[in-house]
PDB file of N, CA and C in Angstrom:
ATOM      1  N   MET A   1       0.979  -0.976  -0.141  1.00  0.00           N
ATOM      2  CA  MET A   1      -0.059   0.182  -0.157  1.00  0.00           C
ATOM      3  C   MET A   1       0.775   1.506  -0.247  1.00  0.00           C
ATOM      4  N   LEU A   2       0.447   2.287  -0.692  1.00  0.00           N
ATOM      5  CA  LEU A   2       1.576   3.563  -0.774  1.00  0.00           C
ATOM      6  C   LEU A   2       0.883   4.417   0.341  1.00  0.00           C
ATOM      7  N   ASP A   3       1.718   5.192   0.981  1.00  0.00           N
ATOM      8  CA  ASP A   3       1.408   5.913   1.860  1.00  0.00           C
ATOM      9  C   ASP A   3       1.971   7.513   1.347  1.00  0.00           C
ATOM     10  N   PHE A   4       1.056   8.551   1.152  1.00  0.00           N
ATOM     11  CA  PHE A   4       1.680   9.598   0.876  1.00  0.00           C
ATOM     12  C   PHE A   4       1.629  10.736   1.803  1.00  0.00           C
ATOM     13  N   SER A   5       2.914  11.458   1.986  1.00  0.00           N
ATOM     14  CA  SER A   5       2.750  12.331   3.212  1.00  0.00           C
ATOM     15  C   SER A   5       2.183  13.694   2.875  1.00  0.00           C
ATOM     16  N   LEU A   6       1.970  14.497   3.790  1.00  0.00           N
ATOM     17  CA  LEU A   6       1.519  15.638   3.434  1.00  0.00           C
ATOM     18  C   LEU A   6       2.488  16.675   2.547  1.00  0.00           C
ATOM     19  N   TRP A   7       3.538  16.548   2.907  1.00  0.00           N
ATOM     20  CA  TRP A   7       4.670  17.265   2.120  1.00  0.00           C
ATOM     21  C   TRP A   7       4.676  16.677   0.669  1.00  0.00           C
ATOM     22  N   GLY A   8       4.454  15.594   0.438  1.00  0.00           N
ATOM     23  CA  GLY A   8       4.555  15.050  -1.012  1.00  0.00           C
ATOM     24  C   GLY A   8       3.511  15.680  -1.691  1.00  0.00           C
ATOM     25  N   TRP A   9       2.214  16.065  -1.104  1.00  0.00           N
ATOM     26  CA  TRP A   9       1.005  16.619  -1.641  1.00  0.00           C
ATOM     27  C   TRP A   9       1.213  18.172  -1.771  1.00  0.00           C
ATOM     28  N   LEU A  10       1.809  18.657  -0.575  1.00  0.00           N
ATOM     29  CA  LEU A  10       2.087  19.852  -0.834  1.00  0.00           C
ATOM     30  C   LEU A  10       3.458  20.491  -2.145  1.00  0.00           C
ATOM     31  N   PHE A  11       3.967  19.338  -2.418  1.00  0.00           N
ATOM     32  CA  PHE A  11       4.734  19.878  -3.308  1.00  0.00           C
ATOM     33  C   PHE A  11       4.208  20.388  -4.801  1.00  0.00           C
ATOM     34  N   TRP A  12       3.091  19.577  -5.007  1.00  0.00           N
ATOM     35  CA  TRP A  12       2.561  19.992  -6.169  1.00  0.00           C
ATOM     36  C   TRP A  12       1.709  21.170  -6.372  1.00  0.00           C
ATOM     37  N   ILE A  13       1.550  21.845  -5.090  1.00  0.00           N
ATOM     38  CA  ILE A  13       0.932  23.093  -5.545  1.00  0.00           C
ATOM     39  C   ILE A  13       1.604  23.949  -6.236  1.00  0.00           C
ATOM     40  N   PRO A  14       2.833  24.285  -6.030  1.00  0.00           N
ATOM     41  CA  PRO A  14       3.476  25.355  -6.768  1.00  0.00           C
ATOM     42  C   PRO A  14       3.908  24.747  -8.107  1.00  0.00           C
ATOM     43  N   VAL A  15       4.096  23.816  -8.308  1.00  0.00           N
ATOM     44  CA  VAL A  15       4.353  23.047  -9.542  1.00  0.00           C
ATOM     45  C   VAL A  15       2.953  23.400 -10.470  1.00  0.00           C
ATOM     46  N   LEU A  16       2.049  22.825  -9.627  1.00  0.00           N
ATOM     47  CA  LEU A  16       0.655  23.144 -10.671  1.00  0.00           C
ATOM     48  C   LEU A  16       0.274  24.516 -10.955  1.00  0.00           C
ATOM     49  N   ALA A  17       0.842  25.693  -9.929  1.00  0.00           N
ATOM     50  CA  ALA A  17       0.451  26.920 -10.153  1.00  0.00           C
ATOM     51  C   ALA A  17       1.370  27.702 -11.307  1.00  0.00           C
ATOM     52  N   ALA A  18       2.639  27.041 -11.325  1.00  0.00           N
ATOM     53  CA  ALA A  18       3.592  27.469 -12.401  1.00  0.00           C
ATOM     54  C   ALA A  18       2.884  26.902 -13.744  1.00  0.00           C
ATOM     55  N   GLU A  19       2.556  25.860 -13.871  1.00  0.00           N
ATOM     56  CA  GLU A  19       2.168  25.194 -15.109  1.00  0.00           C
ATOM     57  C   GLU A  19       0.758  25.995 -15.564  1.00  0.00           C
ATOM     58  N   ALA A  20      -0.005  26.108 -14.542  1.00  0.00           N
ATOM     59  CA  ALA A  20      -1.138  27.247 -15.132  1.00  0.00           C
ATOM     60  C   ALA A  20      -0.714  28.611 -15.594  1.00  0.00           C
ATOM     61  N   LYS A  21       0.317  29.232 -14.920  1.00  0.00           N
ATOM     62  CA  LYS A  21       0.664  30.565 -15.297  1.00  0.00           C
ATOM     63  C   LYS A  21       1.656  30.514 -16.673  1.00  0.00           C
ATOM     64  N   LEU A  22       2.161  29.153 -16.879  1.00  0.00           N
ATOM     65  CA  LEU A  22       3.005  28.951 -18.320  1.00  0.00           C
ATOM     66  C   LEU A  22       1.651  28.881 -19.262  1.00  0.00           C
ATOM     67  N   ARG A  23       0.746  27.986 -19.048  1.00  0.00           N
ATOM     68  CA  ARG A  23      -0.284  27.999 -19.936  1.00  0.00           C
ATOM     69  C   ARG A  23      -1.141  29.224 -20.310  1.00  0.00           C
ATOM     70  N   ARG A  24      -1.366  30.066 -19.431  1.00  0.00           N
ATOM     71  CA  ARG A  24      -1.654  31.377 -19.544  1.00  0.00           C
ATOM     72  C   ARG A  24      -0.811  32.255 -20.536  1.00  0.00           C
ATOM     73  N   ALA A  25       0.428  32.251 -20.209  1.00  0.00           N
ATOM     74  CA  ALA A  25       1.629  32.920 -20.999  1.00  0.00           C
ATOM     75  C   ALA A  25       1.559  32.623 -22.546  1.00  0.00           C
ATOM     76  N   LYS A  26       1.495  31.146 -22.371  1.00  0.00           N
ATOM     77  CA  LYS A  26       1.477  30.466 -24.053  1.00  0.00           C
ATOM     78  C   LYS A  26      -0.016  31.234 -24.621  1.00  0.00           C
ATOM     79  N   LYS A  27      -1.028  31.114 -24.059  1.00  0.00           N
ATOM     80  CA  LYS A  27      -2.172  31.565 -24.656  1.00  0.00           C
ATOM     81  C   LYS A  27      -2.365  32.814 -25.168  1.00  0.00           C
ATOM     82  N   LEU A  28      -1.739  33.592 -24.379  1.00  0.00           N
ATOM     83  CA  LEU A  28      -1.370  34.983 -24.071  1.00  0.00           C
ATOM     84  C   LEU A  28      -0.608  35.622 -25.662  1.00  0.00           C
ATOM     85  N   GLY A  29       0.534  34.844 -25.424  1.00  0.00           N
ATOM     86  CA  GLY A  29       1.371  34.698 -26.728  1.00  0.00           C
ATOM     87  C   GLY A  29       0.893  34.628 -27.959  1.00  0.00           C
ATOM     88  N   GLN A  30       0.230  33.494 -27.981  1.00  0.00           N
ATOM     89  CA  GLN A  30      -0.559  33.167 -29.502  1.00  0.00           C
ATOM     90  C   GLN A  30      -1.665  34.127 -29.631  1.00  0.00           C
ATOM     91  N   GLU A  31      -2.390  34.546 -28.621  1.00  0.00           N
ATOM     92  CA  GLU A  31      -3.365  35.490 -29.082  1.00  0.00           C
ATOM     93  C   GLU A  31      -2.661  36.914 -29.458  1.00  0.00           C
ATOM     94  N   ARG A  32      -1.377  37.263 -29.126  1.00  0.00           N
ATOM     95  CA  ARG A  32      -0.717  38.213 -29.616  1.00  0.00           C
ATOM     96  C   ARG A  32      -0.340  38.070 -31.104  1.00  0.00           C
ATOM     97  N   VAL A  33       0.507  36.924 -31.207  1.00  0.00           N
ATOM     98  CA  VAL A  33       0.795  36.643 -32.821  1.00  0.00           C
ATOM     99  C   VAL A  33      -0.301  36.773 -33.601  1.00  0.00           C
ATOM    100  N   VAL A  34      -1.592  36.204 -33.207  1.00  0.00           N
ATOM    101  CA  VAL A  34      -2.711  35.898 -34.230  1.00  0.00           C
ATOM    102  C   VAL A  34      -3.246  37.567 -34.328  1.00  0.00           C
ATOM    103  N   ALA A  35      -3.102  38.459 -33.481  1.00  0.00           N
ATOM    104  CA  ALA A  35      -3.456  39.997 -33.596  1.00  0.00           C
ATOM    105  C   ALA A  35      -2.573  40.509 -34.542  1.00  0.00           C
ATOM    106  N   ARG A  36      -1.166  40.122 -34.355  1.00  0.00           N
ATOM    107  CA  ARG A  36      -0.301  41.074 -35.371  1.00  0.00           C
ATOM    108  C   ARG A  36      -0.444  40.409 -36.568  1.00  0.00           C
ATOM    109  N   ILE A  37      -0.661  39.343 -36.716  1.00  0.00           N
ATOM    110  CA  ILE A  37      -0.819  38.674 -38.552  1.00  0.00           C
ATOM    111  C   ILE A  37      -2.354  39.175 -39.036  1.00  0.00           C
ATOM    112  N   GLN A  38      -3.317  39.487 -37.947  1.00  0.00           N
ATOM    113  CA  GLN A  38      -4.438  40.211 -38.462  1.00  0.00           C
ATOM    114  C   GLN A  38      -4.323  41.417 -38.945  1.00  0.00           C
ATOM    115  N   ALA A  39      -3.552  42.245 -37.948  1.00  0.00           N
ATOM    116  CA  ALA A  39      -3.291  43.753 -38.267  1.00  0.00           C
ATOM    117  C   ALA A  39      -2.354  43.756 -39.477  1.00  0.00           C
ATOM    118  N   ARG A  40      -1.492  42.992 -39.804  1.00  0.00           N
ATOM    119  CA  ARG A  40      -0.665  43.344 -41.017  1.00  0.00           C
ATOM    120  C   ARG A  40      -1.637  42.791 -41.966  1.00  0.00           C
ATOM    121  N   HIS A  41      -2.346  41.782 -42.106  1.00  0.00           N
ATOM    122  CA  HIS A  41      -3.170  41.331 -43.269  1.00  0.00           C
ATOM    123  C   HIS A  41      -4.180  42.714 -43.281  1.00  0.00           C
ATOM    124  N   ASP A  42      -4.894  43.319 -42.527  1.00  0.00           N
ATOM    125  CA  ASP A  42      -5.746  44.190 -42.749  1.00  0.00           C
ATOM    126  C   ASP A  42      -5.096  45.430 -43.470  1.00  0.00           C
ATOM    127  N   GLU A  43      -3.642  45.480 -42.685  1.00  0.00           N
ATOM    128  CA  GLU A  43      -3.020  46.772 -43.410  1.00  0.00           C
ATOM    129  C   GLU A  43      -2.549  46.705 -44.866  1.00  0.00           C
ATOM    130  N   ALA A  44      -2.068  45.233 -45.282  1.00  0.00           N
ATOM    131  CA  ALA A  44      -2.028  45.207 -46.500  1.00  0.00           C
ATOM    132  C   ALA A  44      -3.287  45.233 -47.481  1.00  0.00           C
ATOM    133  N   ARG A  45      -4.592  45.011 -46.993  1.00  0.00           N
ATOM    134  CA  ARG A  45      -5.759  45.193 -47.904  1.00  0.00           C
ATOM    135  C   ARG A  45      -6.037  46.426 -47.718  1.00  0.00           C
ATOM    136  N   SER A  46      -5.935  47.230 -46.893  1.00  0.00           N
ATOM    137  CA  SER A  46      -6.318  48.662 -46.738  1.00  0.00           C
ATOM    138  C   SER A  46      -5.434  49.567 -48.052  1.00  0.00           C
ATOM    139  N   LYS A  47      -4.255  48.708 -48.178  1.00  0.00           N
ATOM    140  CA  LYS A  47      -2.993  49.892 -49.043  1.00  0.00           C
ATOM    141  C   LYS A  47      -3.641  49.393 -50.699  1.00  0.00           C
ATOM    142  N   PRO A  48      -3.563  50.409 -51.595  1.00  0.00           N
ATOM    143  CA  PRO A  48      -3.818  50.141 -52.770  1.00  0.00           C
ATOM    144  C   PRO A  48      -2.405  49.502 -53.355  1.00  0.00           C
ATOM    145  N   SER A  49      -2.742  48.543 -54.388  1.00  0.00           N
ATOM    146  CA  SER A  49      -1.395  47.935 -54.876  1.00  0.00           C
ATOM    147  C   SER A  49      -0.611  48.809 -55.635  1.00  0.00           C
ATOM    148  N   ALA A  50       0.593  48.924 -55.359  1.00  0.00           N
ATOM    149  CA  ALA A  50       1.410  49.611 -56.450  1.00  0.00           C
ATOM    150  C   ALA A  50       1.489  49.496 -57.658  1.00  0.00           C
ATOM    151  N   GLY A  51       1.346  48.177 -58.422  1.00  0.00           N
ATOM    152  CA  GLY A  51       1.715  47.939 -59.635  1.00  0.00           C
ATOM    153  C   GLY A  51       0.266  47.570 -60.555  1.00  0.00           C
ATOM    154  N   VAL A  52      -0.594  47.860 -59.822  1.00  0.00           N
ATOM    155  CA  VAL A  52      -1.773  47.668 -60.321  1.00  0.00           C
ATOM    156  C   VAL A  52      -2.563  48.856 -61.043  1.00  0.00           C
ATOM    157  N   ALA A  53      -3.086  48.680 -62.154  1.00  0.00           N
ATOM    158  CA  ALA A  53      -3.775  49.914 -62.476  1.00  0.00           C
ATOM    159  C   ALA A  53      -5.114  49.955 -62.403  1.00  0.00           C
TER     160      ALA A  53
END
């Protein structure tokens, strides 16, 4: 039978907190990249093409 101590369980609290923070940072980074690409796309669509008559 396995016996877990309280210290073993308390070890996971900062680990899970750090993992959640990293997941949020990754999501924020992805959102920023998508927003930057979308802004660049919108800017390109609003500019008239230089070589087209």
